[in-house]
N, C-alpha and C. Protein backbone atom coordinates (compact mmCIF):
# COMPACT_ATOMS: atom_id res chain seq x y z
N UNK A 1 0.67 -1.02 -0.06
CA UNK A 1 -0.29 -0.15 -0.07
C UNK A 1 0.77 1.14 -0.01
N UNK A 2 1.87 1.08 0.58
CA UNK A 2 2.82 2.27 0.90
C UNK A 2 3.43 2.53 -0.70
N UNK A 3 3.80 1.61 -1.50
CA UNK A 3 4.10 2.12 -3.00
C UNK A 3 3.05 2.43 -3.73
N UNK A 4 1.97 1.95 -3.50
CA UNK A 4 0.74 2.21 -4.38
C UNK A 4 0.35 4.01 -3.97
N UNK A 5 0.79 4.06 -2.87
CA UNK A 5 0.10 5.42 -2.18
C UNK A 5 1.22 6.74 -2.83
N UNK A 6 2.29 6.19 -2.41
CA UNK A 6 3.44 6.99 -2.92
C UNK A 6 3.22 7.06 -4.52
N UNK A 7 3.32 6.44 -5.62
CA UNK A 7 3.33 6.77 -6.57
C UNK A 7 2.29 7.29 -7.35
N UNK A 8 1.00 7.34 -6.57
CA UNK A 8 0.16 8.40 -6.73
C UNK A 8 0.53 9.97 -6.37
N UNK A 9 1.15 10.11 -5.56
CA UNK A 9 1.97 11.72 -4.87
C UNK A 9 2.77 11.91 -6.13
N UNK A 10 4.16 10.85 -6.50
CA UNK A 10 4.99 11.17 -7.43
C UNK A 10 4.73 11.52 -8.72
N UNK A 11 3.24 10.71 -9.28
CA UNK A 11 2.73 11.00 -10.77
C UNK A 11 2.34 12.35 -10.56
N UNK A 12 1.32 12.67 -9.69
CA UNK A 12 0.53 13.98 -9.34
C UNK A 12 1.85 15.01 -9.48
N UNK A 13 3.15 15.20 -9.15
CA UNK A 13 4.27 15.54 -8.85
C UNK A 13 4.80 15.97 -10.15
N UNK A 14 4.63 14.60 -10.58
CA UNK A 14 5.53 14.89 -12.14
C UNK A 14 4.35 15.42 -13.28
N UNK A 15 3.49 15.81 -12.76
CA UNK A 15 2.52 15.97 -13.82
C UNK A 15 1.99 17.51 -13.21
N UNK A 16 2.68 18.12 -12.36
CA UNK A 16 3.39 19.69 -11.98
C UNK A 16 1.69 19.99 -10.52
N UNK A 17 1.59 19.21 -9.98
CA UNK A 17 0.87 19.51 -8.41
C UNK A 17 1.71 19.14 -7.44
N UNK A 18 1.72 19.68 -6.71
CA UNK A 18 3.04 19.78 -5.73
C UNK A 18 1.96 19.55 -4.27
N UNK A 19 0.46 19.15 -4.17
CA UNK A 19 -0.07 19.43 -2.91
C UNK A 19 0.47 18.04 -1.93
N UNK A 20 0.85 16.84 -2.85
CA UNK A 20 1.24 15.66 -1.75
C UNK A 20 2.48 15.89 -1.66
N UNK A 21 3.63 16.56 -1.77
CA UNK A 21 4.79 17.05 -1.19
C UNK A 21 4.90 18.06 -0.42
N UNK A 22 3.25 19.22 -0.08
CA UNK A 22 3.54 20.08 0.57
C UNK A 22 3.26 19.30 1.92
N UNK A 23 1.85 18.11 1.75
CA UNK A 23 1.20 17.16 3.03
C UNK A 23 2.48 16.63 3.48
N UNK A 24 3.17 16.41 2.68
CA UNK A 24 4.71 15.24 3.16
C UNK A 24 3.81 13.87 3.04
N UNK A 25 3.41 13.79 1.56
CA UNK A 25 3.29 12.39 1.26
C UNK A 25 4.02 11.64 0.26
N UNK A 26 4.87 12.80 -0.15
CA UNK A 26 6.06 11.81 -1.66
C UNK A 26 6.63 11.25 -0.42
N UNK A 27 6.97 10.43 0.13
CA UNK A 27 7.40 9.27 0.88
C UNK A 27 7.27 7.82 0.87
N UNK A 28 8.02 7.01 1.11
CA UNK A 28 7.98 5.58 0.98
C UNK A 28 7.45 5.04 2.44
N UNK A 29 7.96 6.44 3.55
CA UNK A 29 7.64 6.26 4.86
C UNK A 29 6.44 5.81 5.00
N UNK A 30 6.04 4.26 5.55
CA UNK A 30 3.90 3.77 5.75
C UNK A 30 3.48 4.67 6.75
N UNK A 31 4.29 4.85 7.61
CA UNK A 31 3.77 5.78 8.86
C UNK A 31 2.48 6.82 8.21
N UNK A 32 3.68 7.67 7.41
CA UNK A 32 2.46 8.74 6.82
C UNK A 32 1.65 8.74 5.51
N UNK A 33 1.28 7.03 5.58
CA UNK A 33 0.21 6.51 4.47
C UNK A 33 -0.76 5.89 5.56
N UNK A 34 -0.76 5.31 6.65
CA UNK A 34 -1.50 4.89 7.63
C UNK A 34 -2.42 5.59 7.48
N UNK A 35 -3.68 5.20 7.65
CA UNK A 35 -5.06 5.84 8.06
C UNK A 35 -5.50 4.91 9.54
N UNK A 36 -5.93 5.74 10.41
CA UNK A 36 -5.67 4.87 11.78
C UNK A 36 -7.64 3.76 11.21
N UNK A 37 -8.32 4.45 10.55
CA UNK A 37 -9.56 3.77 10.63
C UNK A 37 -9.41 2.36 9.58
N UNK A 38 -9.13 3.09 8.11
CA UNK A 38 -9.15 2.42 7.18
C UNK A 38 -7.76 1.21 7.34
N UNK A 39 -6.56 1.33 7.96
CA UNK A 39 -5.73 0.99 7.62
C UNK A 39 -5.54 -0.39 8.73
N UNK A 40 -6.13 0.22 10.01
CA UNK A 40 -6.02 -0.27 10.96
C UNK A 40 -7.25 -1.16 11.48
N UNK A 41 -8.15 -0.27 12.38
CA UNK A 41 -9.22 -0.78 13.18
C UNK A 41 -10.13 -1.38 11.79
N UNK A 42 -10.67 -0.58 10.51
CA UNK A 42 -11.42 -1.80 9.88
C UNK A 42 -10.96 -2.92 9.32
N UNK A 43 -10.15 -3.80 9.10
CA UNK A 43 -9.21 -4.71 8.79
C UNK A 43 -9.37 -5.58 9.94
N UNK A 44 -9.04 -5.40 11.41
CA UNK A 44 -9.27 -6.18 12.69
C UNK A 44 -11.12 -6.19 12.77
N UNK A 45 -11.72 -5.11 13.06
CA UNK A 45 -12.76 -5.10 13.09
C UNK A 45 -13.55 -6.55 12.11
N UNK A 46 -13.78 -6.40 10.92
CA UNK A 46 -14.11 -7.17 10.11
C UNK A 46 -13.51 -8.61 10.18
N UNK A 47 -12.33 -8.47 10.53
CA UNK A 47 -11.56 -10.46 10.83
C UNK A 47 -12.23 -10.15 11.74
N UNK A 48 -12.55 -10.23 12.95
CA UNK A 48 -12.81 -10.36 13.82
C UNK A 48 -14.61 -10.78 14.04
N UNK A 49 -15.28 -10.17 12.94
CA UNK A 49 -16.29 -10.46 13.20
C UNK A 49 -16.54 -11.44 11.71
N UNK A 50 -15.80 -12.05 11.01
CA UNK A 50 -15.75 -12.49 10.02
C UNK A 50 -15.86 -12.48 8.84
N UNK A 51 -15.71 -11.19 8.33
CA UNK A 51 -16.23 -10.57 7.49
C UNK A 51 -15.53 -10.27 6.63
N UNK A 52 -15.54 -9.95 5.21
CA UNK A 52 -14.26 -9.99 4.22
C UNK A 52 -13.73 -9.05 4.77
N UNK A 53 -12.14 -9.36 4.45
CA UNK A 53 -11.31 -8.41 5.06
C UNK A 53 -11.17 -7.24 3.79
N UNK A 54 -11.51 -6.03 4.10
CA UNK A 54 -11.37 -4.77 3.71
C UNK A 54 -10.69 -3.89 4.02
N UNK A 55 -9.84 -2.97 3.56
CA UNK A 55 -9.17 -1.90 4.55
C UNK A 55 -8.82 -0.86 2.98
N UNK A 56 -7.87 0.29 3.63
CA UNK A 56 -6.88 0.63 3.02
C UNK A 56 -5.95 2.18 3.31
N UNK A 57 -5.49 2.61 2.56
CA UNK A 57 -4.26 3.45 2.96
C UNK A 57 -5.03 4.90 3.11
N UNK A 58 -4.23 6.01 3.73
CA UNK A 58 -5.12 7.68 3.53
C UNK A 58 -4.84 7.67 2.29
N UNK A 59 -5.40 7.90 1.67
CA UNK A 59 -5.62 8.35 0.18
C UNK A 59 -4.48 10.14 -0.08
N UNK A 60 -3.53 10.04 -1.27
CA UNK A 60 -2.51 10.80 -1.31
C UNK A 60 -3.68 11.97 -2.36
N UNK A 61 -3.70 13.21 -1.32
CA UNK A 61 -4.05 14.32 -1.92
C UNK A 61 -3.91 14.62 -3.46
N UNK A 62 -4.14 14.91 -4.10
CA UNK A 62 -4.11 15.84 -5.38
C UNK A 62 -4.87 16.99 -5.67
N UNK A 63 -4.71 18.15 -6.67
CA UNK A 63 -5.42 18.85 -7.22
C UNK A 63 -5.25 18.65 -8.95
N UNK A 64 -6.87 18.05 -9.47
CA UNK A 64 -6.87 18.06 -10.53
C UNK A 64 -6.67 19.36 -11.23
N UNK A 65 -6.83 20.26 -10.92
CA UNK A 65 -6.54 21.38 -11.46
C UNK A 65 -5.32 21.63 -11.85
N UNK A 66 -4.33 21.04 -10.87
CA UNK A 66 -3.29 21.78 -11.14
C UNK A 66 -2.16 20.76 -12.11
N UNK A 67 -2.78 19.50 -12.72
CA UNK A 67 -2.55 18.54 -13.37
C UNK A 67 -2.17 19.37 -15.10
N UNK A 68 -1.22 18.73 -15.47
CA UNK A 68 -1.08 18.55 -16.71
C UNK A 68 -2.28 17.66 -17.72
N UNK A 69 -2.67 17.81 -18.45
CA UNK A 69 -3.19 16.87 -19.54
C UNK A 69 -4.88 16.59 -18.85
N UNK A 70 -5.11 17.56 -18.14
CA UNK A 70 -6.70 17.49 -17.71
C UNK A 70 -7.26 16.47 -16.81
N UNK A 71 -8.21 15.83 -17.47
CA UNK A 71 -8.63 14.81 -17.16
C UNK A 71 -8.05 13.55 -17.33
N UNK A 72 -6.75 13.61 -18.04
CA UNK A 72 -5.82 12.16 -18.73
C UNK A 72 -4.94 12.54 -17.59
N UNK A 73 -4.59 13.61 -16.90
CA UNK A 73 -3.79 13.62 -15.85
C UNK A 73 -3.92 12.98 -14.76
N UNK A 74 -5.16 13.42 -14.20
CA UNK A 74 -6.30 12.75 -13.57
C UNK A 74 -6.08 11.37 -13.87
N UNK A 75 -6.39 10.96 -14.91
CA UNK A 75 -6.37 9.34 -14.77
C UNK A 75 -4.98 8.50 -14.49
N UNK A 76 -3.97 9.42 -15.25
CA UNK A 76 -2.37 8.55 -15.34
C UNK A 76 -1.99 8.93 -13.24
N UNK A 77 -2.71 9.63 -12.85
CA UNK A 77 -2.37 9.60 -11.63
C UNK A 77 -2.83 8.39 -10.53
N UNK A 78 -4.02 8.36 -10.98
CA UNK A 78 -5.14 7.07 -10.48
C UNK A 78 -4.03 6.07 -10.83
N UNK A 79 -3.89 5.56 -11.97
CA UNK A 79 -3.43 4.50 -12.83
C UNK A 79 -2.06 4.12 -12.00
N UNK A 80 -1.17 5.33 -11.62
CA UNK A 80 0.00 5.16 -10.79
C UNK A 80 0.05 3.91 -10.18
N UNK A 81 -0.89 4.25 -9.41
CA UNK A 81 -0.65 3.47 -7.69
C UNK A 81 -1.05 1.35 -8.03
N UNK A 82 -2.41 1.66 -8.98
CA UNK A 82 -2.61 0.34 -9.74
C UNK A 82 -1.11 -0.60 -10.79
N UNK A 83 -0.47 0.50 -11.46
CA UNK A 83 0.18 -0.02 -11.88
C UNK A 83 1.88 -0.92 -11.08
N UNK A 84 1.85 0.12 -10.01
CA UNK A 84 2.66 -0.14 -9.23
C UNK A 84 2.93 -1.78 -8.72
N UNK A 85 1.52 -1.94 -8.14
CA UNK A 85 1.45 -3.16 -7.98
C UNK A 85 1.35 -4.43 -8.96
N UNK A 86 1.03 -4.02 -9.91
CA UNK A 86 1.04 -5.02 -11.09
C UNK A 86 2.34 -5.38 -11.37
N UNK A 87 3.31 -4.08 -11.54
CA UNK A 87 4.67 -4.54 -11.95
C UNK A 87 5.21 -5.25 -10.80
N UNK A 88 4.99 -4.53 -9.50
CA UNK A 88 5.09 -5.67 -8.33
C UNK A 88 5.23 -6.78 -8.12
N UNK A 89 3.57 -7.11 -8.62
CA UNK A 89 3.06 -8.48 -8.97
C UNK A 89 4.01 -9.32 -9.82
N UNK A 90 4.43 -9.33 -11.08
CA UNK A 90 5.05 -9.36 -12.24
C UNK A 90 6.70 -9.37 -11.78
N UNK A 91 7.28 -8.65 -10.90
CA UNK A 91 8.73 -9.06 -10.48
C UNK A 91 8.88 -10.20 -9.35
N UNK A 92 7.56 -10.62 -8.53
CA UNK A 92 7.82 -11.52 -7.27
C UNK A 92 7.31 -12.75 -8.19
N UNK A 93 6.43 -12.43 -9.30
CA UNK A 93 6.33 -14.17 -10.00
C UNK A 93 7.44 -14.79 -10.65
N UNK A 94 8.03 -13.02 -11.06
CA UNK A 94 9.41 -13.76 -11.76
C UNK A 94 10.80 -14.42 -10.51
N UNK A 95 10.53 -13.83 -9.53
CA UNK A 95 11.52 -14.18 -8.56
C UNK A 95 11.18 -15.88 -7.82
N UNK A 96 9.71 -15.94 -8.18
CA UNK A 96 9.27 -17.05 -7.84
C UNK A 96 9.95 -18.41 -8.56
N UNK A 97 9.81 -17.97 -9.99
CA UNK A 97 9.71 -18.82 -11.02
C UNK A 97 11.22 -19.03 -11.20
N UNK A 98 11.96 -17.88 -11.02
CA UNK A 98 13.78 -18.08 -11.61
C UNK A 98 14.07 -18.39 -10.35
N UNK A 99 13.62 -18.82 -9.11
CA UNK A 99 14.02 -19.47 -7.87
C UNK A 99 13.97 -21.11 -7.59
N UNK A 100 13.10 -21.41 -9.04
CA UNK A 100 13.05 -22.70 -8.84
C UNK A 100 12.38 -23.21 -7.70
N UNK A 101 11.41 -22.59 -6.94
CA UNK A 101 11.18 -23.18 -5.59
C UNK A 101 9.98 -23.71 -5.49
N UNK A 102 10.22 -25.05 -4.97
CA UNK A 102 9.10 -25.83 -4.63
C UNK A 102 7.90 -25.39 -4.34
N UNK A 103 6.67 -26.07 -4.53
CA UNK A 103 5.34 -25.43 -4.21
C UNK A 103 5.10 -24.44 -2.36
N UNK A 104 5.74 -25.49 -2.06
CA UNK A 104 5.49 -25.45 -0.41
C UNK A 104 7.03 -24.28 0.16
N UNK A 105 6.49 -24.12 1.58
CA UNK A 105 8.35 -23.89 1.89
C UNK A 105 8.08 -22.04 2.12
N UNK A 106 8.55 -21.71 3.17
CA UNK A 106 8.61 -20.51 3.52
C UNK A 106 8.59 -19.27 2.23
N UNK A 107 10.13 -19.49 1.53
CA UNK A 107 10.02 -18.57 0.85
C UNK A 107 8.83 -18.40 -0.59
N UNK A 108 8.66 -19.79 -1.00
CA UNK A 108 7.35 -20.20 -2.19
C UNK A 108 6.54 -19.35 -1.52
N UNK A 109 6.00 -19.67 -0.22
CA UNK A 109 5.02 -18.66 0.02
C UNK A 109 4.84 -17.09 0.43
N UNK A 110 5.94 -16.17 0.55
CA UNK A 110 5.90 -15.19 0.62
C UNK A 110 6.28 -14.63 -0.69
N UNK A 111 6.39 -15.19 -1.37
CA UNK A 111 6.55 -15.13 -3.40
C UNK A 111 5.03 -15.09 -3.43
N UNK A 112 4.38 -16.26 -3.62
CA UNK A 112 2.72 -16.13 -4.25
C UNK A 112 1.98 -15.51 -2.99
N UNK A 113 2.67 -14.64 -2.07
CA UNK A 113 1.55 -14.08 -1.32
C UNK A 113 1.81 -12.85 -1.99
N UNK A 114 3.07 -12.36 -2.22
CA UNK A 114 3.61 -11.22 -2.77
C UNK A 114 2.76 -10.86 -4.05
N UNK A 115 2.57 -11.96 -4.49
CA UNK A 115 2.15 -11.85 -5.82
C UNK A 115 0.44 -11.37 -5.35
N UNK A 116 -0.21 -12.60 -4.99
CA UNK A 116 -1.58 -12.46 -4.56
C UNK A 116 -2.38 -11.07 -4.51
N UNK A 117 -1.26 -10.72 -3.22
CA UNK A 117 -1.85 -9.30 -2.54
C UNK A 117 -1.36 -7.95 -3.80
N UNK A 118 -0.96 -7.95 -4.38
CA UNK A 118 -0.27 -7.00 -5.15
C UNK A 118 -1.17 -6.92 -5.90
N UNK A 119 -1.72 -8.08 -6.47
CA UNK A 119 -2.57 -8.63 -7.45
C UNK A 119 -4.35 -8.10 -7.28
N UNK A 120 -4.10 -8.37 -5.74
CA UNK A 120 -5.20 -8.10 -5.48
C UNK A 120 -5.82 -6.44 -5.58
N UNK A 121 -4.71 -5.72 -4.97
CA UNK A 121 -4.23 -4.45 -5.20
C UNK A 121 -4.89 -4.09 -6.23
N UNK A 122 -4.11 -4.67 -7.31
CA UNK A 122 -4.32 -3.95 -8.97
C UNK A 122 -5.59 -4.66 -9.09
N UNK A 123 -6.55 -5.59 -9.15
CA UNK A 123 -7.61 -5.63 -9.31
C UNK A 123 -8.90 -5.00 -9.05
N UNK A 124 -9.13 -4.63 -7.77
CA UNK A 124 -9.78 -4.32 -6.80
C UNK A 124 -9.82 -2.64 -6.75
N UNK A 125 -8.47 -2.14 -7.34
CA UNK A 125 -8.67 -0.95 -7.65
C UNK A 125 -8.59 -0.47 -9.19
N UNK A 126 -8.60 -1.12 -9.74
CA UNK A 126 -9.41 -0.55 -11.26
C UNK A 126 -10.39 -1.18 -11.33
N UNK A 127 -11.40 -1.37 -10.59
CA UNK A 127 -12.80 -1.49 -10.64
C UNK A 127 -13.23 -0.22 -11.08
N UNK A 128 -13.92 0.10 -11.88
CA UNK A 128 -14.62 1.37 -12.29
C UNK A 128 -15.46 1.96 -11.74
N UNK A 129 -15.33 1.84 -10.23
CA UNK A 129 -16.34 2.49 -9.15
C UNK A 129 -15.81 3.88 -8.15
N UNK A 130 -16.50 4.54 -8.62
CA UNK A 130 -15.42 5.77 -7.11
C UNK A 130 -15.93 5.61 -5.94
N UNK A 131 -14.82 5.66 -5.35
CA UNK A 131 -13.63 6.36 -5.55
C UNK A 131 -12.16 5.78 -6.22
N UNK A 132 -13.06 4.85 -6.34
CA UNK A 132 -11.47 3.54 -6.56
C UNK A 132 -10.97 3.96 -8.05
N UNK A 133 -9.30 3.68 -8.01
CA UNK A 133 -8.64 4.49 -9.35
C UNK A 133 -9.14 4.31 -10.40
N UNK A 134 -9.93 2.97 -10.86
CA UNK A 134 -10.39 2.44 -12.28
C UNK A 134 -11.44 3.72 -12.77
N UNK A 135 -12.04 4.31 -11.44
CA UNK A 135 -13.35 5.49 -12.33
C UNK A 135 -12.63 6.64 -12.77
N UNK A 136 -11.37 7.11 -12.35
CA UNK A 136 -10.41 7.76 -13.25
C UNK A 136 -10.26 8.11 -14.56
N UNK A 137 -10.39 6.42 -14.91
CA UNK A 137 -9.88 6.03 -16.25
C UNK A 137 -11.20 6.44 -16.94
N UNK A 138 -12.48 5.94 -16.36
CA UNK A 138 -13.72 6.27 -16.63
C UNK A 138 -13.72 7.76 -17.11
N UNK A 139 -13.23 8.24 -15.59
CA UNK A 139 -13.91 9.83 -16.11
C UNK A 139 -13.51 10.68 -17.22
N UNK A 140 -12.08 10.27 -17.77
CA UNK A 140 -11.19 10.74 -18.92
C UNK A 140 -11.81 10.66 -19.82
N UNK A 141 -12.81 9.09 -20.15
CA UNK A 141 -13.43 8.69 -21.11
C UNK A 141 -14.91 9.19 -21.45
N UNK A 142 -15.60 8.95 -20.37
CA UNK A 142 -16.73 9.67 -20.41
C UNK A 142 -17.20 10.48 -20.77
N UNK A 143 -18.80 10.34 -20.97
CA UNK A 143 -19.64 12.07 -21.36
C UNK A 143 -19.98 12.79 -20.09
N UNK A 144 -19.90 14.01 -19.95
CA UNK A 144 -20.46 14.70 -18.90
C UNK A 144 -21.57 14.52 -18.06
N UNK A 145 -22.76 13.20 -18.91
CA UNK A 145 -23.71 12.74 -17.95
C UNK A 145 -23.16 11.74 -16.91
N UNK A 146 -22.38 10.95 -17.40
CA UNK A 146 -21.81 9.76 -16.81
C UNK A 146 -20.57 10.45 -15.85
N UNK A 147 -20.14 11.41 -16.11
CA UNK A 147 -19.25 11.71 -15.23
C UNK A 147 -20.02 12.64 -14.02
N UNK A 148 -20.73 13.08 -14.12
CA UNK A 148 -21.73 13.70 -12.67
C UNK A 148 -22.28 12.90 -11.95
N UNK A 149 -23.02 11.59 -12.66
CA UNK A 149 -23.34 10.50 -12.06
C UNK A 149 -22.26 9.36 -11.21
N UNK A 150 -21.04 9.90 -11.65
CA UNK A 150 -19.80 9.28 -11.00
C UNK A 150 -19.13 9.81 -9.88
N UNK A 151 -19.60 11.22 -9.97
CA UNK A 151 -19.62 12.48 -9.10
C UNK A 151 -20.08 12.09 -7.74
N UNK A 152 -21.06 11.97 -8.02
CA UNK A 152 -22.42 11.99 -6.87
C UNK A 152 -22.44 10.89 -6.08
N UNK A 153 -21.57 9.65 -6.89
CA UNK A 153 -21.51 8.43 -5.81
C UNK A 153 -20.00 8.56 -5.12
N UNK A 154 -19.23 9.64 -5.88
CA UNK A 154 -17.69 9.33 -5.05
C UNK A 154 -18.15 10.31 -3.96
N UNK A 155 -19.19 11.13 -3.49
CA UNK A 155 -18.99 12.11 -2.70
C UNK A 155 -19.54 11.12 -1.34
N UNK A 156 -19.57 10.34 -1.17
CA UNK A 156 -20.06 9.14 -0.38
C UNK A 156 -18.54 8.11 0.24
N UNK A 157 -17.43 8.20 -1.06
CA UNK A 157 -16.42 8.10 -0.79
C UNK A 157 -16.70 6.49 -0.49
N UNK A 158 -15.72 6.59 0.98
CA UNK A 158 -15.43 4.88 1.20
C UNK A 158 -16.07 4.38 1.68
N UNK A 159 -17.55 5.19 2.04
CA UNK A 159 -18.76 4.70 2.42
C UNK A 159 -19.53 3.45 1.61
N UNK A 160 -19.15 4.04 0.49
CA UNK A 160 -20.17 3.65 -0.42
C UNK A 160 -19.08 2.16 -1.22
N UNK A 161 -17.98 2.12 -1.38
CA UNK A 161 -17.41 0.94 -1.33
C UNK A 161 -17.49 -0.11 -0.52
N UNK A 162 -17.55 0.47 1.19
CA UNK A 162 -17.37 -0.44 2.14
C UNK A 162 -19.05 -1.21 1.95
N UNK A 163 -19.99 -0.38 1.99
CA UNK A 163 -21.06 -0.72 1.35
C UNK A 163 -21.36 -1.53 0.38
N UNK A 164 -20.56 -1.43 -1.01
CA UNK A 164 -20.65 -2.64 -1.59
C UNK A 164 -19.75 -3.61 -1.45
N UNK A 165 -19.24 -3.82 -0.80
CA UNK A 165 -18.01 -4.64 -0.51
C UNK A 165 -19.32 -5.78 0.66
N UNK A 166 -19.81 -4.83 1.75
CA UNK A 166 -20.13 -5.88 2.63
C UNK A 166 -21.53 -6.46 1.84
N UNK A 167 -22.08 -5.76 0.69
CA UNK A 167 -23.36 -6.23 -0.27
C UNK A 167 -23.14 -7.39 -0.98
N UNK A 168 -22.33 -6.80 -1.43
CA UNK A 168 -21.63 -7.49 -2.79
C UNK A 168 -20.48 -8.92 -2.56
N UNK A 169 -20.18 -9.09 -1.70
CA UNK A 169 -18.52 -9.47 -1.21
C UNK A 169 -18.10 -10.80 -1.86
N UNK A 170 -19.63 -11.81 -2.13
CA UNK A 170 -19.59 -12.50 -3.03
C UNK A 170 -19.03 -12.77 -4.72
N UNK A 171 -19.82 -11.71 -5.34
CA UNK A 171 -19.45 -11.52 -6.38
C UNK A 171 -18.11 -10.40 -7.01
N UNK A 172 -17.72 -9.49 -5.93
CA UNK A 172 -16.51 -9.23 -5.57
C UNK A 172 -15.17 -9.79 -5.54
N UNK A 173 -15.57 -10.96 -4.65
CA UNK A 173 -14.52 -11.77 -4.70
C UNK A 173 -14.61 -12.90 -5.88
N UNK A 174 -15.11 -13.14 -6.55
CA UNK A 174 -15.33 -14.11 -7.48
C UNK A 174 -14.14 -12.76 -8.74
N UNK A 175 -14.56 -11.77 -8.58
CA UNK A 175 -13.84 -10.99 -9.95
C UNK A 175 -12.77 -11.02 -9.41
N UNK A 176 -12.17 -10.97 -8.07
CA UNK A 176 -10.98 -10.65 -7.81
C UNK A 176 -10.42 -11.69 -7.81
N UNK A 177 -10.68 -13.19 -7.49
CA UNK A 177 -9.75 -14.56 -7.37
C UNK A 177 -9.71 -14.68 -9.20
N UNK A 178 -11.01 -14.50 -9.83
CA UNK A 178 -10.62 -14.77 -11.51
C UNK A 178 -9.61 -13.61 -12.07
N UNK A 179 -9.61 -12.14 -11.71
CA UNK A 179 -8.76 -11.69 -12.30
C UNK A 179 -7.50 -11.82 -11.66
N UNK A 180 -6.95 -12.35 -9.82
CA UNK A 180 -5.78 -12.77 -9.84
C UNK A 180 -5.53 -13.85 -10.60
N UNK A 181 -6.18 -15.17 -10.66
CA UNK A 181 -5.58 -16.29 -11.33
C UNK A 181 -5.09 -16.28 -12.38
N UNK A 182 -6.42 -15.30 -13.19
CA UNK A 182 -5.46 -15.06 -14.73
C UNK A 182 -4.96 -14.34 -15.18
N UNK A 183 -4.42 -13.46 -14.11
CA UNK A 183 -3.03 -12.48 -14.73
C UNK A 183 -1.43 -13.15 -14.26
N UNK A 184 -1.96 -14.18 -13.04
CA UNK A 184 -0.80 -14.86 -12.11
C UNK A 184 -0.58 -15.95 -13.67
N UNK A 185 -1.64 -16.63 -13.78
CA UNK A 185 -1.28 -17.27 -14.57
C UNK A 185 -0.51 -16.72 -16.15
N UNK A 186 -0.86 -15.81 -16.54
CA UNK A 186 0.07 -15.05 -17.53
C UNK A 186 1.44 -15.04 -17.41
N UNK A 187 1.44 -14.46 -16.09
CA UNK A 187 2.79 -13.92 -15.82
C UNK A 187 3.73 -15.72 -15.63
N UNK A 188 2.87 -16.21 -15.23
CA UNK A 188 3.86 -17.99 -15.27
C UNK A 188 4.24 -18.09 -16.97
N UNK A 189 3.21 -17.93 -17.91
CA UNK A 189 3.46 -18.13 -18.99
C UNK A 189 4.54 -17.31 -19.56
N UNK A 190 4.78 -16.41 -19.52
CA UNK A 190 5.69 -15.44 -19.68
C UNK A 190 7.42 -15.71 -19.53
N UNK A 191 7.01 -16.21 -17.66
CA UNK A 191 8.54 -17.10 -17.68
C UNK A 191 8.84 -18.23 -17.94
N UNK A 192 7.84 -18.50 -18.71
CA UNK A 192 7.91 -20.23 -19.64
C UNK A 192 7.49 -21.20 -18.41
N UNK A 193 6.55 -21.18 -17.56
CA UNK A 193 5.98 -22.21 -17.00
C UNK A 193 4.28 -22.17 -17.49
N UNK A 194 4.06 -23.19 -18.04
CA UNK A 194 3.00 -23.73 -18.87
C UNK A 194 1.99 -24.30 -17.85
């Protein structure tokens, strides 16, 4: 999550917005990205209650009006986080294959968990639902009336996503599992594992 959030900030800075820098968020220090409720309390509470584990980091702020390329700039900022998770998953997949590890063991478990977690972040955040990162790509492509509808959903932010996860956890779970498995299999194919 730290790299994911930091890359949002670095991309916005590269595109001309220094909001994240001014707020001390252009850092790989995980403490700067921890949100007391989203990162700690919510996942722990859901785990204790037996619900789907869900959480997040403190979103990195950016000012879309200060970015180059208008809506496309905001889409690039949004894409930077999930793209980082995608690249990390690819690298961990390569390390797993190149190490020639057996299916079981601490190292294999670490690497496959790193792949699954990063692909989980990637797939979930790329869902085109406000305020997730995938919605920013839709903003750049969508006509104005769709954008207005998405903006009204985005006002409720994390509450909307939390309700969606709680009410449609089985559907979202299937989307995540299918996406994670498909991408992981594709990575393995790239690295010569059939």
